[in-house]
Amino acid sequence: MPINEPTRRTRLDRLWHTLRRHRGPAPDLPASDRSRVTHDIEELLAERETDAQRAAADRLVALYRGLDATGRAHFVELVATDFGTDPAAVDAAASDLRAAAPGVARVRAERAL
């Protein structure tokens, strides 16, 4: 039974979409690909199973290796911007630590920092 043109187009569109989704980011890691990389990093950080963490980390390393110099700079910028520390929160936690009395309050302040 022959496939009509609209059905063929729909199947090709789905195939193309699937291939683009699995191809990975462009070597220069343009802004359009960064949200997907952010999502991959968040999945890695949320993963609790060691083998799954390792597999997710391996995928990120492979992704990084596939980037050119511009893409690697964008990757590092993305990590620093989206996953770096909040300076105000660090300052507040350090202040709490300096003011904490020995004992339970100090342990809590250390953990918060």
N, C-alpha and C. Protein backbone atom coordinates (compact mmCIF):
# COMPACT_ATOMS: atom_id res chain seq x y z
N MET A 1 0.85 -1.18 0.00
CA MET A 1 0.00 0.00 0.00
C MET A 1 0.89 1.24 0.00
N PRO A 2 0.75 2.11 -0.98
CA PRO A 2 1.61 3.30 -1.05
C PRO A 2 1.28 4.29 0.07
N ILE A 3 2.31 5.01 0.50
CA ILE A 3 2.14 6.03 1.53
C ILE A 3 1.84 7.35 0.83
N ASN A 4 0.78 8.02 1.28
CA ASN A 4 0.45 9.31 0.65
C ASN A 4 1.43 10.39 1.12
N GLU A 5 1.49 11.45 0.39
CA GLU A 5 2.49 12.51 0.62
C GLU A 5 2.38 13.13 2.01
N PRO A 6 1.20 13.51 2.54
CA PRO A 6 1.15 14.09 3.90
C PRO A 6 1.66 13.12 4.97
N THR A 7 1.35 11.83 4.83
CA THR A 7 1.83 10.85 5.80
C THR A 7 3.35 10.72 5.71
N ARG A 8 3.87 10.68 4.52
CA ARG A 8 5.32 10.60 4.33
C ARG A 8 6.00 11.82 4.94
N ARG A 9 5.42 13.00 4.72
CA ARG A 9 5.99 14.23 5.26
C ARG A 9 5.98 14.18 6.79
N THR A 10 4.90 13.73 7.39
CA THR A 10 4.81 13.64 8.84
C THR A 10 5.85 12.69 9.40
N ARG A 11 6.00 11.55 8.77
CA ARG A 11 7.01 10.59 9.23
C ARG A 11 8.42 11.15 9.09
N LEU A 12 8.68 11.82 7.98
CA LEU A 12 10.00 12.42 7.79
C LEU A 12 10.25 13.53 8.81
N ASP A 13 9.22 14.32 9.10
CA ASP A 13 9.37 15.38 10.11
C ASP A 13 9.68 14.79 11.47
N ARG A 14 8.98 13.72 11.84
CA ARG A 14 9.25 13.07 13.13
C ARG A 14 10.65 12.49 13.18
N LEU A 15 11.06 11.86 12.11
CA LEU A 15 12.40 11.29 12.04
C LEU A 15 13.45 12.40 12.15
N TRP A 16 13.27 13.47 11.41
CA TRP A 16 14.20 14.60 11.45
C TRP A 16 14.28 15.17 12.86
N HIS A 17 13.12 15.34 13.51
CA HIS A 17 13.09 15.89 14.87
C HIS A 17 13.85 14.96 15.82
N THR A 18 13.65 13.66 15.70
CA THR A 18 14.34 12.69 16.54
C THR A 18 15.84 12.74 16.31
N LEU A 19 16.26 12.79 15.08
CA LEU A 19 17.69 12.86 14.78
C LEU A 19 18.32 14.14 15.31
N ARG A 20 17.64 15.26 15.18
CA ARG A 20 18.18 16.52 15.69
C ARG A 20 18.29 16.48 17.20
N ARG A 21 17.32 15.84 17.86
CA ARG A 21 17.32 15.77 19.31
C ARG A 21 18.50 14.93 19.81
N HIS A 22 18.88 13.91 19.07
CA HIS A 22 19.95 13.01 19.51
C HIS A 22 21.32 13.38 18.96
N ARG A 23 21.41 14.37 18.12
CA ARG A 23 22.68 14.69 17.49
C ARG A 23 23.64 15.41 18.43
N GLY A 24 23.14 15.98 19.52
CA GLY A 24 24.00 16.73 20.42
C GLY A 24 24.08 18.17 19.97
N PRO A 25 24.71 18.99 20.78
CA PRO A 25 24.79 20.41 20.45
C PRO A 25 25.78 20.69 19.33
N ALA A 26 25.63 21.85 18.73
CA ALA A 26 26.59 22.29 17.72
C ALA A 26 27.94 22.53 18.40
N PRO A 27 29.04 22.42 17.66
CA PRO A 27 30.37 22.55 18.27
C PRO A 27 30.62 23.88 19.00
N ASP A 28 29.94 24.95 18.59
CA ASP A 28 30.15 26.23 19.27
C ASP A 28 29.16 26.47 20.40
N LEU A 29 28.33 25.49 20.72
CA LEU A 29 27.32 25.52 21.78
C LEU A 29 26.53 26.84 21.74
N PRO A 30 25.73 27.01 20.70
CA PRO A 30 24.93 28.23 20.60
C PRO A 30 23.86 28.27 21.69
N ALA A 31 23.30 29.44 21.90
CA ALA A 31 22.30 29.63 22.95
C ALA A 31 21.14 28.65 22.82
N SER A 32 20.79 28.29 21.59
CA SER A 32 19.67 27.37 21.38
C SER A 32 19.94 25.98 21.92
N ASP A 33 21.20 25.60 22.12
CA ASP A 33 21.55 24.28 22.64
C ASP A 33 21.85 24.29 24.15
N ARG A 34 22.02 25.46 24.72
CA ARG A 34 22.47 25.54 26.12
C ARG A 34 21.43 25.03 27.11
N SER A 35 20.15 25.24 26.83
CA SER A 35 19.13 24.77 27.77
C SER A 35 19.16 23.24 27.87
N ARG A 36 19.45 22.59 26.76
CA ARG A 36 19.53 21.13 26.77
C ARG A 36 20.74 20.67 27.60
N VAL A 37 21.85 21.39 27.50
CA VAL A 37 23.04 21.05 28.29
C VAL A 37 22.76 21.30 29.77
N THR A 38 22.10 22.40 30.08
CA THR A 38 21.72 22.69 31.47
C THR A 38 20.86 21.57 32.02
N HIS A 39 19.91 21.12 31.24
CA HIS A 39 19.04 20.01 31.64
C HIS A 39 19.86 18.75 31.90
N ASP A 40 20.82 18.45 31.05
CA ASP A 40 21.67 17.27 31.23
C ASP A 40 22.49 17.36 32.52
N ILE A 41 23.00 18.55 32.82
CA ILE A 41 23.78 18.74 34.05
C ILE A 41 22.87 18.59 35.27
N GLU A 42 21.67 19.16 35.20
CA GLU A 42 20.72 19.03 36.32
C GLU A 42 20.35 17.56 36.55
N GLU A 43 20.18 16.80 35.48
CA GLU A 43 19.89 15.38 35.62
C GLU A 43 21.05 14.65 36.30
N LEU A 44 22.27 14.98 35.92
CA LEU A 44 23.44 14.38 36.55
C LEU A 44 23.46 14.69 38.04
N LEU A 45 23.25 15.93 38.41
CA LEU A 45 23.30 16.33 39.81
C LEU A 45 22.17 15.71 40.63
N ALA A 46 21.04 15.45 40.00
CA ALA A 46 19.90 14.87 40.71
C ALA A 46 20.00 13.35 40.84
N GLU A 47 20.83 12.73 40.02
CA GLU A 47 20.94 11.27 40.01
C GLU A 47 21.61 10.79 41.29
N ARG A 48 21.05 9.75 41.89
CA ARG A 48 21.60 9.22 43.15
C ARG A 48 22.32 7.89 42.95
N GLU A 49 22.06 7.20 41.88
CA GLU A 49 22.66 5.89 41.64
C GLU A 49 24.02 6.08 40.97
N THR A 50 25.04 5.47 41.53
CA THR A 50 26.42 5.69 41.08
C THR A 50 26.65 5.36 39.61
N ASP A 51 26.16 4.24 39.15
CA ASP A 51 26.37 3.88 37.74
C ASP A 51 25.67 4.86 36.81
N ALA A 52 24.49 5.30 37.20
CA ALA A 52 23.76 6.28 36.38
C ALA A 52 24.49 7.63 36.39
N GLN A 53 25.06 8.00 37.54
CA GLN A 53 25.85 9.23 37.61
C GLN A 53 27.04 9.16 36.66
N ARG A 54 27.71 8.02 36.71
CA ARG A 54 28.89 7.84 35.86
C ARG A 54 28.51 7.91 34.38
N ALA A 55 27.41 7.29 34.02
CA ALA A 55 26.95 7.32 32.62
C ALA A 55 26.59 8.74 32.20
N ALA A 56 25.92 9.47 33.08
CA ALA A 56 25.55 10.85 32.77
C ALA A 56 26.81 11.72 32.66
N ALA A 57 27.77 11.51 33.54
CA ALA A 57 29.02 12.27 33.49
C ALA A 57 29.79 11.94 32.21
N ASP A 58 29.80 10.67 31.83
CA ASP A 58 30.48 10.28 30.58
C ASP A 58 29.85 10.98 29.38
N ARG A 59 28.51 11.10 29.38
CA ARG A 59 27.84 11.80 28.27
C ARG A 59 28.23 13.28 28.23
N LEU A 60 28.34 13.90 29.42
CA LEU A 60 28.72 15.31 29.46
C LEU A 60 30.18 15.50 29.03
N VAL A 61 31.04 14.58 29.42
CA VAL A 61 32.44 14.66 29.00
C VAL A 61 32.54 14.51 27.48
N ALA A 62 31.80 13.56 26.94
CA ALA A 62 31.80 13.37 25.48
C ALA A 62 31.25 14.61 24.78
N LEU A 63 30.22 15.19 25.35
CA LEU A 63 29.65 16.43 24.78
C LEU A 63 30.73 17.52 24.79
N TYR A 64 31.41 17.69 25.93
CA TYR A 64 32.44 18.72 26.06
C TYR A 64 33.56 18.51 25.05
N ARG A 65 33.98 17.27 24.90
CA ARG A 65 35.07 16.96 23.95
C ARG A 65 34.67 17.27 22.51
N GLY A 66 33.39 17.22 22.23
CA GLY A 66 32.91 17.50 20.87
C GLY A 66 32.77 18.98 20.56
N LEU A 67 33.02 19.82 21.57
CA LEU A 67 32.89 21.27 21.37
C LEU A 67 34.20 21.87 20.86
N ASP A 68 34.08 22.94 20.10
CA ASP A 68 35.28 23.67 19.70
C ASP A 68 35.62 24.67 20.82
N ALA A 69 36.63 25.51 20.61
CA ALA A 69 37.08 26.44 21.65
C ALA A 69 35.96 27.37 22.10
N THR A 70 35.17 27.86 21.16
CA THR A 70 34.05 28.75 21.50
C THR A 70 33.01 27.99 22.32
N GLY A 71 32.71 26.78 21.90
CA GLY A 71 31.74 25.97 22.62
C GLY A 71 32.19 25.63 24.02
N ARG A 72 33.48 25.35 24.18
CA ARG A 72 34.01 25.05 25.51
C ARG A 72 33.94 26.28 26.40
N ALA A 73 34.20 27.44 25.85
CA ALA A 73 34.07 28.68 26.63
C ALA A 73 32.61 28.89 27.04
N HIS A 74 31.69 28.63 26.13
CA HIS A 74 30.26 28.76 26.45
C HIS A 74 29.85 27.75 27.52
N PHE A 75 30.40 26.52 27.45
CA PHE A 75 30.09 25.48 28.42
C PHE A 75 30.54 25.92 29.82
N VAL A 76 31.78 26.39 29.93
CA VAL A 76 32.30 26.82 31.23
C VAL A 76 31.49 28.01 31.75
N GLU A 77 31.15 28.93 30.87
CA GLU A 77 30.33 30.08 31.26
C GLU A 77 28.96 29.62 31.78
N LEU A 78 28.37 28.65 31.10
CA LEU A 78 27.07 28.11 31.51
C LEU A 78 27.17 27.48 32.90
N VAL A 79 28.20 26.69 33.12
CA VAL A 79 28.37 26.03 34.43
C VAL A 79 28.57 27.09 35.52
N ALA A 80 29.42 28.06 35.27
CA ALA A 80 29.69 29.10 36.27
C ALA A 80 28.46 29.94 36.56
N THR A 81 27.70 30.25 35.53
CA THR A 81 26.53 31.10 35.69
C THR A 81 25.36 30.35 36.33
N ASP A 82 25.07 29.16 35.82
CA ASP A 82 23.88 28.44 36.27
C ASP A 82 24.11 27.55 37.49
N PHE A 83 25.36 27.16 37.73
CA PHE A 83 25.63 26.22 38.81
C PHE A 83 26.66 26.72 39.81
N GLY A 84 27.10 27.96 39.68
CA GLY A 84 28.06 28.53 40.62
C GLY A 84 27.40 28.91 41.92
N THR A 85 28.20 29.35 42.86
CA THR A 85 27.66 29.74 44.16
C THR A 85 27.03 31.12 44.10
N ASP A 86 26.13 31.35 45.02
CA ASP A 86 25.49 32.66 45.18
C ASP A 86 26.33 33.44 46.19
N PRO A 87 27.05 34.48 45.75
CA PRO A 87 27.95 35.19 46.67
C PRO A 87 27.25 35.71 47.92
N ALA A 88 26.04 36.20 47.79
CA ALA A 88 25.32 36.73 48.96
C ALA A 88 25.01 35.61 49.95
N ALA A 89 24.64 34.44 49.45
CA ALA A 89 24.35 33.31 50.34
C ALA A 89 25.62 32.84 51.04
N VAL A 90 26.74 32.83 50.34
CA VAL A 90 28.01 32.42 50.95
C VAL A 90 28.41 33.42 52.02
N ASP A 91 28.28 34.70 51.73
CA ASP A 91 28.62 35.73 52.73
C ASP A 91 27.75 35.59 53.97
N ALA A 92 26.46 35.37 53.78
CA ALA A 92 25.55 35.23 54.92
C ALA A 92 25.90 33.99 55.75
N ALA A 93 26.18 32.88 55.08
CA ALA A 93 26.54 31.65 55.79
C ALA A 93 27.86 31.82 56.54
N ALA A 94 28.83 32.51 55.93
CA ALA A 94 30.12 32.74 56.60
C ALA A 94 29.93 33.63 57.82
N SER A 95 29.08 34.63 57.70
CA SER A 95 28.78 35.51 58.83
C SER A 95 28.13 34.72 59.96
N ASP A 96 27.18 33.84 59.61
CA ASP A 96 26.52 33.00 60.62
C ASP A 96 27.54 32.08 61.29
N LEU A 97 28.47 31.57 60.53
CA LEU A 97 29.49 30.68 61.08
C LEU A 97 30.38 31.43 62.06
N ARG A 98 30.79 32.65 61.70
CA ARG A 98 31.64 33.45 62.60
C ARG A 98 30.92 33.77 63.90
N ALA A 99 29.60 33.96 63.83
CA ALA A 99 28.84 34.34 65.01
C ALA A 99 28.35 33.14 65.82
N ALA A 100 28.47 31.94 65.30
CA ALA A 100 27.92 30.75 65.96
C ALA A 100 28.73 30.38 67.19
N ALA A 101 28.00 30.03 68.24
CA ALA A 101 28.63 29.53 69.46
C ALA A 101 29.06 28.08 69.23
N PRO A 102 30.07 27.62 69.96
CA PRO A 102 30.48 26.22 69.81
C PRO A 102 29.30 25.28 70.12
N GLY A 103 29.35 24.11 69.50
CA GLY A 103 28.31 23.12 69.76
C GLY A 103 27.37 22.98 68.57
N VAL A 104 26.11 22.77 68.86
CA VAL A 104 25.12 22.50 67.83
C VAL A 104 24.98 23.67 66.85
N ALA A 105 25.01 24.89 67.36
CA ALA A 105 24.86 26.07 66.48
C ALA A 105 26.03 26.15 65.48
N ARG A 106 27.21 25.83 65.97
CA ARG A 106 28.39 25.86 65.09
C ARG A 106 28.30 24.78 64.01
N VAL A 107 27.89 23.58 64.40
CA VAL A 107 27.75 22.49 63.43
C VAL A 107 26.73 22.85 62.37
N ARG A 108 25.60 23.42 62.78
CA ARG A 108 24.58 23.84 61.81
C ARG A 108 25.12 24.90 60.86
N ALA A 109 25.85 25.86 61.39
CA ALA A 109 26.41 26.93 60.56
C ALA A 109 27.43 26.37 59.58
N GLU A 110 28.24 25.41 60.04
CA GLU A 110 29.22 24.78 59.13
C GLU A 110 28.52 24.03 58.01
N ARG A 111 27.47 23.32 58.32
CA ARG A 111 26.72 22.58 57.30
C ARG A 111 26.05 23.54 56.31
N ALA A 112 25.57 24.65 56.82
CA ALA A 112 24.91 25.62 55.94
C ALA A 112 25.90 26.23 54.96
N LEU A 113 27.14 26.41 55.43
CA LEU A 113 28.17 26.98 54.57
C LEU A 113 28.58 25.96 53.52
